[in-house]
Amino acid sequence: MTVIRYVKIFLVLAVGFWGLVGVIGNLSHLSQVYDTVREVTSMSGVPEGVGPPWRTSNALVVWLGVATIILGKVAAVMGGVGGVAMWRNINAPPSDFNRSKKWAIAGCGLAFGLLMFGFTITAESTFFMFFNANVQGAGELAFRFAGSFALVTIIVAQPEPD
């Protein structure tokens, strides 16, 4: 069953690597991230008379959006740290290896939840991001990542056989 452990570790480390690259990119281009979130929350691409009446460029709302994006990537990094813990227990008994997966499961699960909340629920459903040509495809990309992370979470959470 060691090969299954290696696969689980690889999947979790891949999610962690995505998070690390993403958080570095977001923090190094923070003003661009802020401007993009502001553009989405202002609903600049939504035609007049379409959609809900909560267009906003309120700084607090925009910073909450930026924080959600960055926290999703930090959560993925946390999952990667869990992958390191799993690696350290690669030859441990199943009960110990199962316990070592807690940060991996938490990180990948939170990355999934924050992507789903931030993009699918908030940006697309609340602020109609799909109307904005400048961020075309961002929702679909986030959905693909979220689905992948959910699948990794499910796979890693499967208990090791005794």
N, C-alpha and C. Protein backbone atom coordinates (compact mmCIF):
# COMPACT_ATOMS: atom_id res chain seq x y z
N MET A 1 0.81 -1.21 0.00
CA MET A 1 0.00 0.00 0.00
C MET A 1 0.85 1.27 0.00
N THR A 2 2.15 1.13 0.02
CA THR A 2 3.03 2.30 0.05
C THR A 2 2.85 3.16 -1.20
N VAL A 3 2.59 2.52 -2.35
CA VAL A 3 2.43 3.30 -3.58
C VAL A 3 1.24 4.25 -3.46
N ILE A 4 0.20 3.84 -2.81
CA ILE A 4 -0.96 4.72 -2.61
C ILE A 4 -0.57 5.91 -1.74
N ARG A 5 0.25 5.67 -0.75
CA ARG A 5 0.73 6.77 0.09
C ARG A 5 1.55 7.77 -0.73
N TYR A 6 2.39 7.28 -1.61
CA TYR A 6 3.19 8.17 -2.46
C TYR A 6 2.28 9.02 -3.36
N VAL A 7 1.25 8.40 -3.90
CA VAL A 7 0.32 9.14 -4.76
C VAL A 7 -0.39 10.23 -3.95
N LYS A 8 -0.86 9.89 -2.77
CA LYS A 8 -1.53 10.87 -1.92
C LYS A 8 -0.59 12.04 -1.59
N ILE A 9 0.64 11.72 -1.26
CA ILE A 9 1.61 12.77 -0.93
C ILE A 9 1.87 13.65 -2.14
N PHE A 10 2.05 13.03 -3.31
CA PHE A 10 2.27 13.81 -4.53
C PHE A 10 1.12 14.76 -4.80
N LEU A 11 -0.11 14.27 -4.69
CA LEU A 11 -1.28 15.11 -4.95
C LEU A 11 -1.33 16.31 -4.00
N VAL A 12 -1.08 16.05 -2.73
CA VAL A 12 -1.12 17.12 -1.73
C VAL A 12 0.01 18.13 -1.96
N LEU A 13 1.19 17.63 -2.28
CA LEU A 13 2.31 18.55 -2.54
C LEU A 13 2.04 19.39 -3.80
N ALA A 14 1.37 18.82 -4.79
CA ALA A 14 1.01 19.58 -5.99
C ALA A 14 0.06 20.73 -5.63
N VAL A 15 -0.92 20.45 -4.79
CA VAL A 15 -1.83 21.51 -4.34
C VAL A 15 -1.05 22.57 -3.57
N GLY A 16 -0.15 22.14 -2.72
CA GLY A 16 0.67 23.08 -1.95
C GLY A 16 1.55 23.94 -2.85
N PHE A 17 2.11 23.34 -3.90
CA PHE A 17 2.94 24.10 -4.84
C PHE A 17 2.11 25.15 -5.56
N TRP A 18 0.90 24.77 -5.99
CA TRP A 18 -0.02 25.73 -6.62
C TRP A 18 -0.25 26.91 -5.68
N GLY A 19 -0.52 26.61 -4.42
CA GLY A 19 -0.77 27.66 -3.45
C GLY A 19 0.44 28.56 -3.24
N LEU A 20 1.62 27.97 -3.15
CA LEU A 20 2.84 28.76 -2.94
C LEU A 20 3.10 29.70 -4.11
N VAL A 21 3.03 29.18 -5.32
CA VAL A 21 3.24 30.02 -6.50
C VAL A 21 2.17 31.11 -6.57
N GLY A 22 0.93 30.73 -6.27
CA GLY A 22 -0.16 31.69 -6.33
C GLY A 22 -0.07 32.79 -5.29
N VAL A 23 0.26 32.44 -4.06
CA VAL A 23 0.33 33.46 -3.02
C VAL A 23 1.50 34.41 -3.27
N ILE A 24 2.61 33.88 -3.76
CA ILE A 24 3.74 34.76 -4.11
C ILE A 24 3.33 35.70 -5.24
N GLY A 25 2.67 35.17 -6.25
CA GLY A 25 2.21 36.00 -7.36
C GLY A 25 1.21 37.05 -6.92
N ASN A 26 0.26 36.66 -6.09
CA ASN A 26 -0.75 37.61 -5.62
C ASN A 26 -0.14 38.70 -4.76
N LEU A 27 0.76 38.33 -3.86
CA LEU A 27 1.37 39.33 -2.98
C LEU A 27 2.32 40.25 -3.74
N SER A 28 2.97 39.73 -4.75
CA SER A 28 3.89 40.58 -5.51
C SER A 28 3.17 41.48 -6.50
N HIS A 29 1.90 41.21 -6.76
CA HIS A 29 1.08 42.05 -7.65
C HIS A 29 -0.22 42.43 -6.95
N LEU A 30 -0.10 42.80 -5.69
CA LEU A 30 -1.27 43.05 -4.86
C LEU A 30 -2.17 44.14 -5.42
N SER A 31 -1.60 45.19 -5.97
CA SER A 31 -2.43 46.28 -6.50
C SER A 31 -3.25 45.80 -7.70
N GLN A 32 -2.69 44.90 -8.51
CA GLN A 32 -3.45 44.36 -9.64
C GLN A 32 -4.58 43.45 -9.16
N VAL A 33 -4.31 42.67 -8.13
CA VAL A 33 -5.35 41.81 -7.56
C VAL A 33 -6.47 42.70 -7.02
N TYR A 34 -6.10 43.74 -6.29
CA TYR A 34 -7.09 44.67 -5.74
C TYR A 34 -7.93 45.28 -6.86
N ASP A 35 -7.27 45.76 -7.91
CA ASP A 35 -7.99 46.40 -9.03
C ASP A 35 -8.93 45.42 -9.71
N THR A 36 -8.52 44.19 -9.85
CA THR A 36 -9.37 43.18 -10.49
C THR A 36 -10.59 42.89 -9.63
N VAL A 37 -10.39 42.73 -8.34
CA VAL A 37 -11.52 42.48 -7.44
C VAL A 37 -12.46 43.69 -7.44
N ARG A 38 -11.90 44.90 -7.43
CA ARG A 38 -12.73 46.10 -7.46
C ARG A 38 -13.56 46.16 -8.75
N GLU A 39 -12.94 45.76 -9.85
CA GLU A 39 -13.67 45.75 -11.12
C GLU A 39 -14.84 44.76 -11.08
N VAL A 40 -14.62 43.61 -10.46
CA VAL A 40 -15.68 42.62 -10.35
C VAL A 40 -16.79 43.11 -9.43
N THR A 41 -16.42 43.63 -8.25
CA THR A 41 -17.46 44.07 -7.30
C THR A 41 -18.21 45.30 -7.79
N SER A 42 -17.58 46.10 -8.62
CA SER A 42 -18.29 47.27 -9.18
C SER A 42 -19.23 46.86 -10.28
N MET A 43 -19.11 45.61 -10.72
CA MET A 43 -19.97 45.05 -11.77
C MET A 43 -19.91 45.89 -13.04
N SER A 44 -18.70 46.33 -13.38
CA SER A 44 -18.52 47.22 -14.53
C SER A 44 -18.91 46.58 -15.85
N GLY A 45 -18.87 45.27 -15.95
CA GLY A 45 -19.24 44.62 -17.20
C GLY A 45 -20.71 44.26 -17.30
N VAL A 46 -21.44 44.45 -16.22
CA VAL A 46 -22.86 44.07 -16.20
C VAL A 46 -23.69 45.20 -16.82
N PRO A 47 -24.51 44.87 -17.81
CA PRO A 47 -25.35 45.90 -18.43
C PRO A 47 -26.30 46.54 -17.41
N GLU A 48 -26.58 47.81 -17.60
CA GLU A 48 -27.52 48.52 -16.72
C GLU A 48 -28.87 47.80 -16.73
N GLY A 49 -29.49 47.71 -15.57
CA GLY A 49 -30.79 47.08 -15.46
C GLY A 49 -30.74 45.57 -15.32
N VAL A 50 -29.56 45.00 -15.42
CA VAL A 50 -29.39 43.56 -15.27
C VAL A 50 -28.71 43.30 -13.94
N GLY A 51 -29.19 42.31 -13.24
CA GLY A 51 -28.52 41.90 -12.01
C GLY A 51 -28.98 42.67 -10.79
N PRO A 52 -28.43 42.29 -9.66
CA PRO A 52 -28.81 42.87 -8.38
C PRO A 52 -28.26 44.29 -8.20
N PRO A 53 -28.82 45.02 -7.25
CA PRO A 53 -28.45 46.43 -7.07
C PRO A 53 -27.26 46.68 -6.15
N TRP A 54 -26.39 45.70 -5.95
CA TRP A 54 -25.32 45.90 -4.98
C TRP A 54 -23.95 46.12 -5.60
N ARG A 55 -23.88 46.84 -6.67
CA ARG A 55 -22.58 47.23 -7.24
C ARG A 55 -21.84 48.04 -6.18
N THR A 56 -20.57 47.73 -5.99
CA THR A 56 -19.82 48.48 -4.98
C THR A 56 -18.33 48.50 -5.29
N SER A 57 -17.72 49.59 -4.91
CA SER A 57 -16.25 49.69 -4.95
C SER A 57 -15.74 49.97 -3.55
N ASN A 58 -16.58 49.70 -2.56
CA ASN A 58 -16.22 49.89 -1.16
C ASN A 58 -14.93 49.14 -0.85
N ALA A 59 -13.97 49.85 -0.28
CA ALA A 59 -12.64 49.27 -0.02
C ALA A 59 -12.71 48.04 0.87
N LEU A 60 -13.59 48.05 1.87
CA LEU A 60 -13.70 46.89 2.76
C LEU A 60 -14.15 45.66 1.99
N VAL A 61 -15.13 45.81 1.15
CA VAL A 61 -15.62 44.68 0.35
C VAL A 61 -14.53 44.17 -0.58
N VAL A 62 -13.82 45.09 -1.22
CA VAL A 62 -12.75 44.71 -2.14
C VAL A 62 -11.63 43.99 -1.39
N TRP A 63 -11.23 44.51 -0.23
CA TRP A 63 -10.16 43.87 0.53
C TRP A 63 -10.59 42.49 1.05
N LEU A 64 -11.87 42.33 1.36
CA LEU A 64 -12.36 41.00 1.76
C LEU A 64 -12.23 40.02 0.60
N GLY A 65 -12.51 40.50 -0.62
CA GLY A 65 -12.32 39.66 -1.80
C GLY A 65 -10.86 39.30 -2.01
N VAL A 66 -9.98 40.27 -1.87
CA VAL A 66 -8.54 40.01 -2.02
C VAL A 66 -8.10 39.01 -0.96
N ALA A 67 -8.54 39.20 0.27
CA ALA A 67 -8.17 38.29 1.36
C ALA A 67 -8.66 36.86 1.09
N THR A 68 -9.85 36.73 0.55
CA THR A 68 -10.39 35.40 0.24
C THR A 68 -9.52 34.70 -0.80
N ILE A 69 -9.10 35.44 -1.82
CA ILE A 69 -8.24 34.87 -2.86
C ILE A 69 -6.91 34.41 -2.26
N ILE A 70 -6.31 35.27 -1.47
CA ILE A 70 -5.00 34.94 -0.90
C ILE A 70 -5.11 33.83 0.14
N LEU A 71 -6.15 33.86 0.96
CA LEU A 71 -6.33 32.81 1.98
C LEU A 71 -6.54 31.44 1.35
N GLY A 72 -7.19 31.40 0.19
CA GLY A 72 -7.35 30.12 -0.51
C GLY A 72 -6.00 29.51 -0.87
N LYS A 73 -5.09 30.37 -1.25
CA LYS A 73 -3.76 29.89 -1.62
C LYS A 73 -2.92 29.56 -0.39
N VAL A 74 -3.10 30.32 0.68
CA VAL A 74 -2.43 29.99 1.94
C VAL A 74 -2.93 28.64 2.46
N ALA A 75 -4.22 28.39 2.33
CA ALA A 75 -4.78 27.10 2.74
C ALA A 75 -4.15 25.97 1.93
N ALA A 76 -3.96 26.20 0.63
CA ALA A 76 -3.31 25.18 -0.21
C ALA A 76 -1.88 24.92 0.27
N VAL A 77 -1.17 25.98 0.64
CA VAL A 77 0.18 25.81 1.18
C VAL A 77 0.12 24.99 2.46
N MET A 78 -0.88 25.25 3.30
CA MET A 78 -1.07 24.47 4.52
C MET A 78 -1.26 22.99 4.18
N GLY A 79 -1.99 22.72 3.09
CA GLY A 79 -2.12 21.35 2.64
C GLY A 79 -0.78 20.75 2.26
N GLY A 80 0.05 21.55 1.59
CA GLY A 80 1.39 21.10 1.24
C GLY A 80 2.24 20.78 2.45
N VAL A 81 2.10 21.57 3.50
CA VAL A 81 2.80 21.29 4.76
C VAL A 81 2.32 19.94 5.31
N GLY A 82 1.04 19.69 5.15
CA GLY A 82 0.51 18.39 5.54
C GLY A 82 1.12 17.26 4.73
N GLY A 83 1.44 17.54 3.46
CA GLY A 83 2.11 16.54 2.63
C GLY A 83 3.49 16.20 3.16
N VAL A 84 4.18 17.20 3.70
CA VAL A 84 5.49 16.95 4.31
C VAL A 84 5.33 16.06 5.54
N ALA A 85 4.30 16.32 6.34
CA ALA A 85 4.03 15.47 7.52
C ALA A 85 3.72 14.04 7.08
N MET A 86 2.99 13.91 5.98
CA MET A 86 2.69 12.57 5.47
C MET A 86 3.98 11.87 5.01
N TRP A 87 4.85 12.62 4.36
CA TRP A 87 6.13 12.07 3.89
C TRP A 87 6.94 11.53 5.08
N ARG A 88 6.94 12.27 6.16
CA ARG A 88 7.70 11.86 7.35
C ARG A 88 7.15 10.56 7.95
N ASN A 89 5.89 10.26 7.64
CA ASN A 89 5.25 9.06 8.18
C ASN A 89 4.99 8.01 7.10
N ILE A 90 5.73 8.08 6.02
CA ILE A 90 5.47 7.20 4.87
C ILE A 90 5.52 5.72 5.25
N ASN A 91 6.39 5.35 6.17
CA ASN A 91 6.53 3.94 6.57
C ASN A 91 5.90 3.65 7.93
N ALA A 92 5.15 4.59 8.45
CA ALA A 92 4.52 4.42 9.76
C ALA A 92 3.32 3.47 9.65
N PRO A 93 2.89 2.96 10.78
CA PRO A 93 1.67 2.14 10.77
C PRO A 93 0.48 2.98 10.26
N PRO A 94 -0.53 2.31 9.72
CA PRO A 94 -1.68 3.03 9.14
C PRO A 94 -2.30 4.08 10.07
N SER A 95 -2.42 3.75 11.35
CA SER A 95 -3.04 4.71 12.27
C SER A 95 -2.22 6.00 12.38
N ASP A 96 -0.90 5.88 12.40
CA ASP A 96 -0.03 7.06 12.45
C ASP A 96 -0.08 7.84 11.14
N PHE A 97 -0.06 7.12 10.03
CA PHE A 97 -0.12 7.80 8.73
C PHE A 97 -1.46 8.54 8.59
N ASN A 98 -2.54 7.91 9.03
CA ASN A 98 -3.85 8.57 8.97
C ASN A 98 -3.86 9.86 9.79
N ARG A 99 -3.24 9.83 10.96
CA ARG A 99 -3.17 11.04 11.79
C ARG A 99 -2.33 12.12 11.13
N SER A 100 -1.30 11.73 10.37
CA SER A 100 -0.41 12.72 9.74
C SER A 100 -1.10 13.46 8.59
N LYS A 101 -2.26 13.01 8.18
CA LYS A 101 -2.95 13.62 7.04
C LYS A 101 -3.82 14.81 7.42
N LYS A 102 -3.93 15.14 8.71
CA LYS A 102 -4.90 16.15 9.14
C LYS A 102 -4.67 17.51 8.48
N TRP A 103 -3.42 17.98 8.38
CA TRP A 103 -3.16 19.30 7.77
C TRP A 103 -3.37 19.27 6.27
N ALA A 104 -3.06 18.13 5.66
CA ALA A 104 -3.28 17.98 4.22
C ALA A 104 -4.77 18.05 3.90
N ILE A 105 -5.56 17.35 4.67
CA ILE A 105 -7.01 17.34 4.45
C ILE A 105 -7.59 18.72 4.75
N ALA A 106 -7.16 19.33 5.84
CA ALA A 106 -7.67 20.66 6.18
C ALA A 106 -7.28 21.68 5.12
N GLY A 107 -6.02 21.67 4.69
CA GLY A 107 -5.55 22.65 3.71
C GLY A 107 -6.22 22.50 2.36
N CYS A 108 -6.28 21.28 1.85
CA CYS A 108 -6.91 21.06 0.55
C CYS A 108 -8.41 21.33 0.62
N GLY A 109 -9.04 20.93 1.71
CA GLY A 109 -10.47 21.19 1.87
C GLY A 109 -10.78 22.68 1.97
N LEU A 110 -9.96 23.41 2.73
CA LEU A 110 -10.17 24.87 2.82
C LEU A 110 -9.88 25.57 1.50
N ALA A 111 -8.87 25.12 0.78
CA ALA A 111 -8.59 25.71 -0.54
C ALA A 111 -9.79 25.51 -1.45
N PHE A 112 -10.36 24.32 -1.43
CA PHE A 112 -11.59 24.06 -2.20
C PHE A 112 -12.70 25.00 -1.78
N GLY A 113 -12.96 25.07 -0.48
CA GLY A 113 -14.06 25.89 0.02
C GLY A 113 -13.89 27.36 -0.28
N LEU A 114 -12.67 27.88 -0.14
CA LEU A 114 -12.44 29.29 -0.41
C LEU A 114 -12.52 29.61 -1.89
N LEU A 115 -12.08 28.71 -2.75
CA LEU A 115 -12.26 28.92 -4.19
C LEU A 115 -13.74 28.91 -4.57
N MET A 116 -14.46 27.95 -4.02
CA MET A 116 -15.89 27.87 -4.32
C MET A 116 -16.62 29.10 -3.79
N PHE A 117 -16.32 29.48 -2.55
CA PHE A 117 -16.98 30.65 -1.97
C PHE A 117 -16.58 31.93 -2.70
N GLY A 118 -15.28 32.10 -2.93
CA GLY A 118 -14.79 33.34 -3.51
C GLY A 118 -15.19 33.56 -4.95
N PHE A 119 -15.12 32.50 -5.75
CA PHE A 119 -15.40 32.67 -7.17
C PHE A 119 -16.83 32.27 -7.53
N THR A 120 -17.21 31.01 -7.25
CA THR A 120 -18.50 30.52 -7.69
C THR A 120 -19.65 31.25 -6.99
N ILE A 121 -19.56 31.38 -5.69
CA ILE A 121 -20.67 31.98 -4.95
C ILE A 121 -20.61 33.51 -4.98
N THR A 122 -19.45 34.07 -4.63
CA THR A 122 -19.37 35.53 -4.50
C THR A 122 -19.18 36.23 -5.85
N ALA A 123 -18.08 35.94 -6.53
CA ALA A 123 -17.76 36.69 -7.76
C ALA A 123 -18.77 36.41 -8.87
N GLU A 124 -19.09 35.14 -9.11
CA GLU A 124 -19.97 34.82 -10.23
C GLU A 124 -21.45 35.00 -9.89
N SER A 125 -21.89 34.42 -8.78
CA SER A 125 -23.32 34.47 -8.47
C SER A 125 -23.77 35.79 -7.88
N THR A 126 -22.90 36.43 -7.09
CA THR A 126 -23.29 37.67 -6.43
C THR A 126 -22.97 38.90 -7.27
N PHE A 127 -21.77 38.92 -7.88
CA PHE A 127 -21.34 40.10 -8.63
C PHE A 127 -21.29 39.88 -10.14
N PHE A 128 -21.85 38.77 -10.62
CA PHE A 128 -22.01 38.50 -12.06
C PHE A 128 -20.70 38.68 -12.83
N MET A 129 -19.63 38.10 -12.31
CA MET A 129 -18.32 38.23 -12.92
C MET A 129 -18.30 37.78 -14.38
N PHE A 130 -19.16 36.85 -14.74
CA PHE A 130 -19.15 36.31 -16.10
C PHE A 130 -19.48 37.35 -17.17
N PHE A 131 -20.04 38.49 -16.78
CA PHE A 131 -20.30 39.57 -17.73
C PHE A 131 -19.03 40.38 -18.05
N ASN A 132 -18.03 40.28 -17.20
CA ASN A 132 -16.85 41.12 -17.33
C ASN A 132 -15.82 40.48 -18.26
N ALA A 133 -15.60 41.10 -19.40
CA ALA A 133 -14.67 40.55 -20.40
C ALA A 133 -13.22 40.52 -19.90
N ASN A 134 -12.87 41.40 -18.97
CA ASN A 134 -11.49 41.47 -18.48
C ASN A 134 -11.10 40.27 -17.61
N VAL A 135 -12.07 39.60 -17.05
CA VAL A 135 -11.78 38.44 -16.21
C VAL A 135 -12.44 37.18 -16.77
N GLN A 136 -12.70 37.20 -18.05
CA GLN A 136 -13.33 36.06 -18.72
C GLN A 136 -12.52 34.80 -18.48
N GLY A 137 -13.17 33.77 -18.06
CA GLY A 137 -12.51 32.49 -17.83
C GLY A 137 -12.00 32.29 -16.42
N ALA A 138 -11.93 33.33 -15.61
CA ALA A 138 -11.41 33.18 -14.24
C ALA A 138 -12.31 32.27 -13.41
N GLY A 139 -13.60 32.40 -13.56
CA GLY A 139 -14.53 31.57 -12.81
C GLY A 139 -14.42 30.10 -13.19
N GLU A 140 -14.29 29.85 -14.49
CA GLU A 140 -14.16 28.47 -14.96
C GLU A 140 -12.85 27.85 -14.46
N LEU A 141 -11.79 28.64 -14.50
CA LEU A 141 -10.50 28.16 -14.02
C LEU A 141 -10.56 27.85 -12.52
N ALA A 142 -11.16 28.75 -11.76
CA ALA A 142 -11.29 28.53 -10.32
C ALA A 142 -12.14 27.28 -10.05
N PHE A 143 -13.18 27.07 -10.86
CA PHE A 143 -14.03 25.90 -10.70
C PHE A 143 -13.23 24.62 -10.95
N ARG A 144 -12.38 24.63 -11.97
CA ARG A 144 -11.54 23.45 -12.24
C ARG A 144 -10.58 23.18 -11.09
N PHE A 145 -9.94 24.23 -10.58
CA PHE A 145 -9.04 24.05 -9.44
C PHE A 145 -9.81 23.54 -8.23
N ALA A 146 -10.95 24.16 -7.95
CA ALA A 146 -11.74 23.75 -6.79
C ALA A 146 -12.14 22.28 -6.90
N GLY A 147 -12.59 21.87 -8.07
CA GLY A 147 -12.96 20.46 -8.27
C GLY A 147 -11.79 19.53 -8.06
N SER A 148 -10.63 19.93 -8.57
CA SER A 148 -9.42 19.12 -8.39
C SER A 148 -9.07 19.01 -6.91
N PHE A 149 -9.14 20.13 -6.20
CA PHE A 149 -8.79 20.12 -4.78
C PHE A 149 -9.78 19.31 -3.96
N ALA A 150 -11.05 19.36 -4.34
CA ALA A 150 -12.05 18.55 -3.65
C ALA A 150 -11.74 17.07 -3.85
N LEU A 151 -11.38 16.72 -5.08
CA LEU A 151 -11.04 15.32 -5.36
C LEU A 151 -9.80 14.88 -4.58
N VAL A 152 -8.79 15.73 -4.53
CA VAL A 152 -7.59 15.40 -3.75
C VAL A 152 -7.96 15.21 -2.28
N THR A 153 -8.80 16.09 -1.76
CA THR A 153 -9.23 15.97 -0.36
C THR A 153 -9.91 14.64 -0.10
N ILE A 154 -10.80 14.25 -1.01
CA ILE A 154 -11.52 12.97 -0.86
C ILE A 154 -10.56 11.79 -0.92
N ILE A 155 -9.64 11.82 -1.87
CA ILE A 155 -8.67 10.72 -2.02
C ILE A 155 -7.80 10.61 -0.78
N VAL A 156 -7.24 11.75 -0.34
CA VAL A 156 -6.33 11.73 0.81
C VAL A 156 -7.07 11.33 2.09
N ALA A 157 -8.32 11.71 2.22
CA ALA A 157 -9.07 11.41 3.44
C ALA A 157 -9.41 9.93 3.57
N GLN A 158 -9.29 9.17 2.50
CA GLN A 158 -9.58 7.74 2.60
C GLN A 158 -8.61 7.09 3.59
N PRO A 159 -9.13 6.37 4.56
CA PRO A 159 -8.24 5.79 5.58
C PRO A 159 -7.34 4.71 4.98
N GLU A 160 -6.18 4.60 5.55
CA GLU A 160 -5.24 3.54 5.15
C GLU A 160 -5.73 2.23 5.73
N PRO A 161 -5.69 1.19 4.92
CA PRO A 161 -6.12 -0.12 5.44
C PRO A 161 -5.12 -0.64 6.49
N ASP A 162 -5.67 -1.36 7.44
CA ASP A 162 -4.80 -1.95 8.49
C ASP A 162 -4.05 -3.14 7.98
